[in-house]
Amino acid sequence: MTPSRMCEELALLDDRSLMIVEDDAVLLPRLAAAMEARGFSVRTAGSVEMGLAMANAAPPAFAVVDLRLADGSGLEILSKIREARQDSRVIVMSGYGSIPTAVSATKLGACDYLPKPVDADEITAALLTPLGSVPPPPDHAMGVAEKEWAHISSVLGQCSNNISRAARLLSMHRRSLQRIVRRHD
């Protein structure tokens, strides 16, 4: 499905409310802006607590929830949304994906489980895929270097760009990480 076709399908929907729950301070505003550009009416939350409050106040038609949040599991939010609104389409995304968590998310009502890094077109395609069908495969496969940089960027964002802390989490020397970051600037 092309991006223009996705936007056309979204325009036909009455309720385009989308809740994004993500604790990565760099990713959240970028993803929100990308999804707004595609026609969604976006609300954001940075924690399980905020996500649960938003789901209670006004359950969205669509949701993108990070699995692992600083204050708990995004699966709590998934359960609350599905409890409050049966027709909502919820996607769980995670940089720490595993088969057991994907199965758990699906059992709780997630319509898809996407491993990070993921782009806005993939999210939109998964959200708009009719129930019971399989979303289309990605148009391009990420190379090893792209996956490595996406993972490093994600860890750096979680560490507020603290090179020393990120290097410890990545199990690499601080200077090696500095060289990699300079190469991508």
C-alpha atoms as a PDB file:
ATOM      1  CA  MET A   1       0.000   0.000   0.000  1.00  0.00           C
ATOM      2  CA  THR A   2       1.465   3.324  -1.041  1.00  0.00           C
ATOM      3  CA  PRO A   3       1.654   6.260   1.389  1.00  0.00           C
ATOM      4  CA  SER A   4      -0.868   8.247  -0.679  1.00  0.00           C
ATOM      5  CA  ARG A   5      -3.279   5.267  -0.667  1.00  0.00           C
ATOM      6  CA  MET A   6      -2.909   4.993   3.134  1.00  0.00           C
ATOM      7  CA  CYS A   7      -3.761   8.684   3.539  1.00  0.00           C
ATOM      8  CA  GLU A   8      -6.815   8.261   1.282  1.00  0.00           C
ATOM      9  CA  GLU A   9      -8.057   5.323   3.372  1.00  0.00           C
ATOM     10  CA  LEU A  10      -7.491   7.250   6.598  1.00  0.00           C
ATOM     11  CA  ALA A  11      -9.419  10.252   5.237  1.00  0.00           C
ATOM     12  CA  LEU A  12     -12.491   8.029   4.875  1.00  0.00           C
ATOM     13  CA  LEU A  13     -12.546   7.197   8.587  1.00  0.00           C
ATOM     14  CA  ASP A  14     -14.695   9.172  11.029  1.00  0.00           C
ATOM     15  CA  ASP A  15     -12.418   8.690  14.026  1.00  0.00           C
ATOM     16  CA  ARG A  16      -8.706   9.218  13.388  1.00  0.00           C
ATOM     17  CA  SER A  17      -7.646   9.507  17.017  1.00  0.00           C
ATOM     18  CA  LEU A  18      -4.227   8.003  17.636  1.00  0.00           C
ATOM     19  CA  MET A  19      -2.490   7.651  20.976  1.00  0.00           C
ATOM     20  CA  ILE A  20       1.270   7.131  20.954  1.00  0.00           C
ATOM     21  CA  VAL A  21       2.887   5.946  24.184  1.00  0.00           C
ATOM     22  CA  GLU A  22       6.672   6.084  24.024  1.00  0.00           C
ATOM     23  CA  ASP A  23       9.227   7.098  26.655  1.00  0.00           C
ATOM     24  CA  ASP A  24      12.015   7.948  24.191  1.00  0.00           C
ATOM     25  CA  ALA A  25      12.042  11.755  24.256  1.00  0.00           C
ATOM     26  CA  VAL A  26      13.636  11.922  20.799  1.00  0.00           C
ATOM     27  CA  LEU A  27      11.399   9.389  19.048  1.00  0.00           C
ATOM     28  CA  LEU A  28       8.036  10.489  20.487  1.00  0.00           C
ATOM     29  CA  PRO A  29       7.756  13.981  18.930  1.00  0.00           C
ATOM     30  CA  ARG A  30       9.171  12.771  15.609  1.00  0.00           C
ATOM     31  CA  LEU A  31       6.733   9.885  15.401  1.00  0.00           C
ATOM     32  CA  ALA A  32       3.832  12.122  16.466  1.00  0.00           C
ATOM     33  CA  ALA A  33       4.660  14.662  13.736  1.00  0.00           C
ATOM     34  CA  ALA A  34       5.001  11.925  11.104  1.00  0.00           C
ATOM     35  CA  MET A  35       1.648  10.398  12.045  1.00  0.00           C
ATOM     36  CA  GLU A  36      -0.077  13.807  12.079  1.00  0.00           C
ATOM     37  CA  ALA A  37       1.299  14.415   8.580  1.00  0.00           C
ATOM     38  CA  ARG A  38      -0.422  11.177   7.526  1.00  0.00           C
ATOM     39  CA  GLY A  39      -3.803  12.430   8.790  1.00  0.00           C
ATOM     40  CA  PHE A  40      -4.078  11.075  12.331  1.00  0.00           C
ATOM     41  CA  SER A  41      -5.242  13.178  15.267  1.00  0.00           C
ATOM     42  CA  VAL A  42      -2.381  12.442  17.668  1.00  0.00           C
ATOM     43  CA  ARG A  43      -2.143  12.500  21.467  1.00  0.00           C
ATOM     44  CA  THR A  44       1.069  11.432  23.183  1.00  0.00           C
ATOM     45  CA  ALA A  45       2.091   9.993  26.521  1.00  0.00           C
ATOM     46  CA  GLY A  46       5.548   9.254  27.885  1.00  0.00           C
ATOM     47  CA  SER A  47       4.696   6.727  30.585  1.00  0.00           C
ATOM     48  CA  VAL A  48       2.350   3.917  31.562  1.00  0.00           C
ATOM     49  CA  GLU A  49       0.656   6.205  34.074  1.00  0.00           C
ATOM     50  CA  MET A  50      -0.029   8.908  31.468  1.00  0.00           C
ATOM     51  CA  GLY A  51      -1.120   6.322  28.902  1.00  0.00           C
ATOM     52  CA  LEU A  52      -3.605   4.720  31.288  1.00  0.00           C
ATOM     53  CA  ALA A  53      -5.047   8.134  32.197  1.00  0.00           C
ATOM     54  CA  MET A  54      -5.475   9.023  28.515  1.00  0.00           C
ATOM     55  CA  ALA A  55      -7.032   5.626  27.726  1.00  0.00           C
ATOM     56  CA  ASN A  56      -9.525   6.092  30.587  1.00  0.00           C
ATOM     57  CA  ALA A  57     -10.424   9.647  29.567  1.00  0.00           C
ATOM     58  CA  ALA A  58     -10.875   9.020  25.835  1.00  0.00           C
ATOM     59  CA  PRO A  59     -10.012   5.614  24.387  1.00  0.00           C
ATOM     60  CA  PRO A  60      -8.485   6.144  20.919  1.00  0.00           C
ATOM     61  CA  ALA A  61      -9.434   4.457  17.647  1.00  0.00           C
ATOM     62  CA  PHE A  62      -5.744   3.701  17.084  1.00  0.00           C
ATOM     63  CA  ALA A  63      -2.759   3.332  19.394  1.00  0.00           C
ATOM     64  CA  VAL A  64       0.967   2.697  19.110  1.00  0.00           C
ATOM     65  CA  VAL A  65       2.401   1.545  22.425  1.00  0.00           C
ATOM     66  CA  ASP A  66       6.003   0.838  23.318  1.00  0.00           C
ATOM     67  CA  LEU A  67       6.330  -2.459  25.160  1.00  0.00           C
ATOM     68  CA  ARG A  68       8.999  -1.403  27.622  1.00  0.00           C
ATOM     69  CA  LEU A  69       8.429   1.913  29.346  1.00  0.00           C
ATOM     70  CA  ALA A  70      10.352   3.396  32.260  1.00  0.00           C
ATOM     71  CA  ASP A  71       7.472   2.887  34.695  1.00  0.00           C
ATOM     72  CA  GLY A  72       6.193  -0.492  33.492  1.00  0.00           C
ATOM     73  CA  SER A  73       4.844  -2.463  30.570  1.00  0.00           C
ATOM     74  CA  GLY A  74       2.931  -1.040  27.642  1.00  0.00           C
ATOM     75  CA  LEU A  75       0.811  -4.202  27.764  1.00  0.00           C
ATOM     76  CA  GLU A  76      -1.095  -2.595  30.666  1.00  0.00           C
ATOM     77  CA  ILE A  77      -2.122   0.229  28.354  1.00  0.00           C
ATOM     78  CA  LEU A  78      -3.038  -2.211  25.588  1.00  0.00           C
ATOM     79  CA  SER A  79      -5.357  -4.060  27.998  1.00  0.00           C
ATOM     80  CA  LYS A  80      -6.991  -0.836  29.185  1.00  0.00           C
ATOM     81  CA  ILE A  81      -7.596   0.436  25.640  1.00  0.00           C
ATOM     82  CA  ARG A  82      -9.060  -2.888  24.462  1.00  0.00           C
ATOM     83  CA  GLU A  83     -11.236  -3.059  27.591  1.00  0.00           C
ATOM     84  CA  ALA A  84     -12.582   0.448  27.023  1.00  0.00           C
ATOM     85  CA  ARG A  85     -12.933   0.225  23.247  1.00  0.00           C
ATOM     86  CA  GLN A  86     -13.202  -3.142  21.485  1.00  0.00           C
ATOM     87  CA  ASP A  87     -12.837  -1.705  17.964  1.00  0.00           C
ATOM     88  CA  SER A  88      -9.546   0.075  18.647  1.00  0.00           C
ATOM     89  CA  ARG A  89      -6.494  -0.984  16.644  1.00  0.00           C
ATOM     90  CA  VAL A  90      -3.410  -1.175  18.866  1.00  0.00           C
ATOM     91  CA  ILE A  91       0.138  -1.860  17.751  1.00  0.00           C
ATOM     92  CA  VAL A  92       2.868  -2.798  20.193  1.00  0.00           C
ATOM     93  CA  MET A  93       6.429  -1.906  19.234  1.00  0.00           C
ATOM     94  CA  SER A  94       9.626  -2.812  20.986  1.00  0.00           C
ATOM     95  CA  GLY A  95      13.370  -2.711  20.673  1.00  0.00           C
ATOM     96  CA  TYR A  96      13.470  -5.651  23.068  1.00  0.00           C
ATOM     97  CA  GLY A  97      11.129  -7.900  21.134  1.00  0.00           C
ATOM     98  CA  SER A  98      10.793 -11.590  21.719  1.00  0.00           C
ATOM     99  CA  ILE A  99       8.360 -14.299  20.689  1.00  0.00           C
ATOM    100  CA  PRO A 100       6.785 -14.610  24.169  1.00  0.00           C
ATOM    101  CA  THR A 101       6.076 -10.864  24.381  1.00  0.00           C
ATOM    102  CA  ALA A 102       4.662 -10.846  20.846  1.00  0.00           C
ATOM    103  CA  VAL A 103       2.356 -13.729  21.767  1.00  0.00           C
ATOM    104  CA  SER A 104       1.285 -11.952  24.967  1.00  0.00           C
ATOM    105  CA  ALA A 105       0.550  -8.735  23.072  1.00  0.00           C
ATOM    106  CA  THR A 106      -1.498 -10.608  20.491  1.00  0.00           C
ATOM    107  CA  LYS A 107      -3.470 -12.459  23.169  1.00  0.00           C
ATOM    108  CA  LEU A 108      -4.272  -9.133  24.815  1.00  0.00           C
ATOM    109  CA  GLY A 109      -5.638  -7.768  21.544  1.00  0.00           C
ATOM    110  CA  ALA A 110      -2.749  -6.116  19.692  1.00  0.00           C
ATOM    111  CA  CYS A 111      -3.347  -6.100  15.957  1.00  0.00           C
ATOM    112  CA  ASP A 112       0.397  -6.165  15.276  1.00  0.00           C
ATOM    113  CA  TYR A 113       3.777  -6.303  16.995  1.00  0.00           C
ATOM    114  CA  LEU A 114       6.557  -4.324  15.329  1.00  0.00           C
ATOM    115  CA  PRO A 115      10.242  -4.511  16.215  1.00  0.00           C
ATOM    116  CA  LYS A 116      12.089  -1.203  16.482  1.00  0.00           C
ATOM    117  CA  PRO A 117      13.377   0.544  14.510  1.00  0.00           C
ATOM    118  CA  VAL A 118      10.145   1.065  12.628  1.00  0.00           C
ATOM    119  CA  ASP A 119       9.092   3.921  10.367  1.00  0.00           C
ATOM    120  CA  ALA A 120       5.808   5.798  10.170  1.00  0.00           C
ATOM    121  CA  ASP A 121       4.786   4.158   6.884  1.00  0.00           C
ATOM    122  CA  GLU A 122       5.111   0.678   8.422  1.00  0.00           C
ATOM    123  CA  ILE A 123       3.070   1.782  11.441  1.00  0.00           C
ATOM    124  CA  THR A 124       0.389   3.350   9.242  1.00  0.00           C
ATOM    125  CA  ALA A 125       0.170   0.225   7.068  1.00  0.00           C
ATOM    126  CA  ALA A 126      -0.196  -1.969  10.161  1.00  0.00           C
ATOM    127  CA  LEU A 127      -2.861   0.306  11.671  1.00  0.00           C
ATOM    128  CA  LEU A 128      -4.911   0.412   8.472  1.00  0.00           C
ATOM    129  CA  THR A 129      -4.642  -3.275   7.563  1.00  0.00           C
ATOM    130  CA  PRO A 130      -8.123  -4.801   7.807  1.00  0.00           C
ATOM    131  CA  LEU A 131      -8.710  -7.182  10.697  1.00  0.00           C
ATOM    132  CA  GLY A 132      -7.925 -10.753   9.771  1.00  0.00           C
ATOM    133  CA  SER A 133      -5.453  -9.807   7.045  1.00  0.00           C
ATOM    134  CA  VAL A 134      -1.721  -9.688   7.151  1.00  0.00           C
ATOM    135  CA  PRO A 135       0.037  -6.331   6.787  1.00  0.00           C
ATOM    136  CA  PRO A 136       2.282  -6.068   3.754  1.00  0.00           C
ATOM    137  CA  PRO A 137       5.981  -6.838   4.200  1.00  0.00           C
ATOM    138  CA  PRO A 138       8.344  -3.844   4.330  1.00  0.00           C
ATOM    139  CA  ASP A 139       9.419  -2.449   0.960  1.00  0.00           C
ATOM    140  CA  HIS A 140      13.077  -2.576   1.893  1.00  0.00           C
ATOM    141  CA  ALA A 141      15.115  -4.644   4.274  1.00  0.00           C
ATOM    142  CA  MET A 142      17.417  -2.800   6.616  1.00  0.00           C
ATOM    143  CA  GLY A 143      21.081  -3.613   6.271  1.00  0.00           C
ATOM    144  CA  VAL A 144      23.238  -4.585   9.218  1.00  0.00           C
ATOM    145  CA  ALA A 145      24.793  -1.111   9.412  1.00  0.00           C
ATOM    146  CA  GLU A 146      21.344   0.536   9.439  1.00  0.00           C
ATOM    147  CA  LYS A 147      20.119  -1.774  12.186  1.00  0.00           C
ATOM    148  CA  GLU A 148      23.266  -1.184  14.219  1.00  0.00           C
ATOM    149  CA  TRP A 149      22.944   2.599  13.939  1.00  0.00           C
ATOM    150  CA  ALA A 150      19.212   2.489  14.736  1.00  0.00           C
ATOM    151  CA  HIS A 151      19.932   0.483  17.881  1.00  0.00           C
ATOM    152  CA  ILE A 152      22.782   2.776  18.924  1.00  0.00           C
ATOM    153  CA  SER A 153      20.580   5.854  18.321  1.00  0.00           C
ATOM    154  CA  SER A 154      17.820   4.343  20.413  1.00  0.00           C
ATOM    155  CA  VAL A 155      20.161   3.592  23.312  1.00  0.00           C
ATOM    156  CA  LEU A 156      21.702   7.069  23.072  1.00  0.00           C
ATOM    157  CA  GLY A 157      18.219   8.608  23.204  1.00  0.00           C
ATOM    158  CA  GLN A 158      17.333   6.560  26.275  1.00  0.00           C
ATOM    159  CA  CYS A 159      20.542   7.795  27.908  1.00  0.00           C
ATOM    160  CA  SER A 160      19.871  11.449  27.031  1.00  0.00           C
ATOM    161  CA  ASN A 161      22.875  11.318  24.659  1.00  0.00           C
ATOM    162  CA  ASN A 162      25.260  10.497  27.503  1.00  0.00           C
ATOM    163  CA  ILE A 163      28.056   8.709  25.607  1.00  0.00           C
ATOM    164  CA  SER A 164      29.615   7.056  28.665  1.00  0.00           C
ATOM    165  CA  ARG A 165      26.328   5.624  29.918  1.00  0.00           C
ATOM    166  CA  ALA A 166      25.281   4.473  26.429  1.00  0.00           C
ATOM    167  CA  ALA A 167      28.673   2.819  25.882  1.00  0.00           C
ATOM    168  CA  ARG A 168      28.230   0.841  29.106  1.00  0.00           C
ATOM    169  CA  LEU A 169      24.755  -0.299  28.035  1.00  0.00           C
ATOM    170  CA  LEU A 170      26.064  -1.245  24.593  1.00  0.00           C
ATOM    171  CA  SER A 171      29.069  -3.046  26.097  1.00  0.00           C
ATOM    172  CA  MET A 172      31.547  -1.045  24.053  1.00  0.00           C
ATOM    173  CA  HIS A 173      34.359   1.391  24.710  1.00  0.00           C
ATOM    174  CA  ARG A 174      33.347   5.038  25.023  1.00  0.00           C
ATOM    175  CA  ARG A 175      35.803   6.180  22.328  1.00  0.00           C
ATOM    176  CA  SER A 176      34.497   3.578  19.877  1.00  0.00           C
ATOM    177  CA  LEU A 177      30.992   4.884  20.397  1.00  0.00           C
ATOM    178  CA  GLN A 178      32.183   8.479  19.936  1.00  0.00           C
ATOM    179  CA  ARG A 179      33.743   7.539  16.575  1.00  0.00           C
ATOM    180  CA  ILE A 180      30.524   5.845  15.426  1.00  0.00           C
ATOM    181  CA  VAL A 181      28.444   8.885  16.428  1.00  0.00           C
ATOM    182  CA  ARG A 182      30.821  11.279  14.622  1.00  0.00           C
ATOM    183  CA  ARG A 183      30.533   9.155  11.464  1.00  0.00           C
ATOM    184  CA  HIS A 184      26.747   9.565  11.504  1.00  0.00           C
ATOM    185  CA  ASP A 185      26.629  13.294  12.256  1.00  0.00           C
END
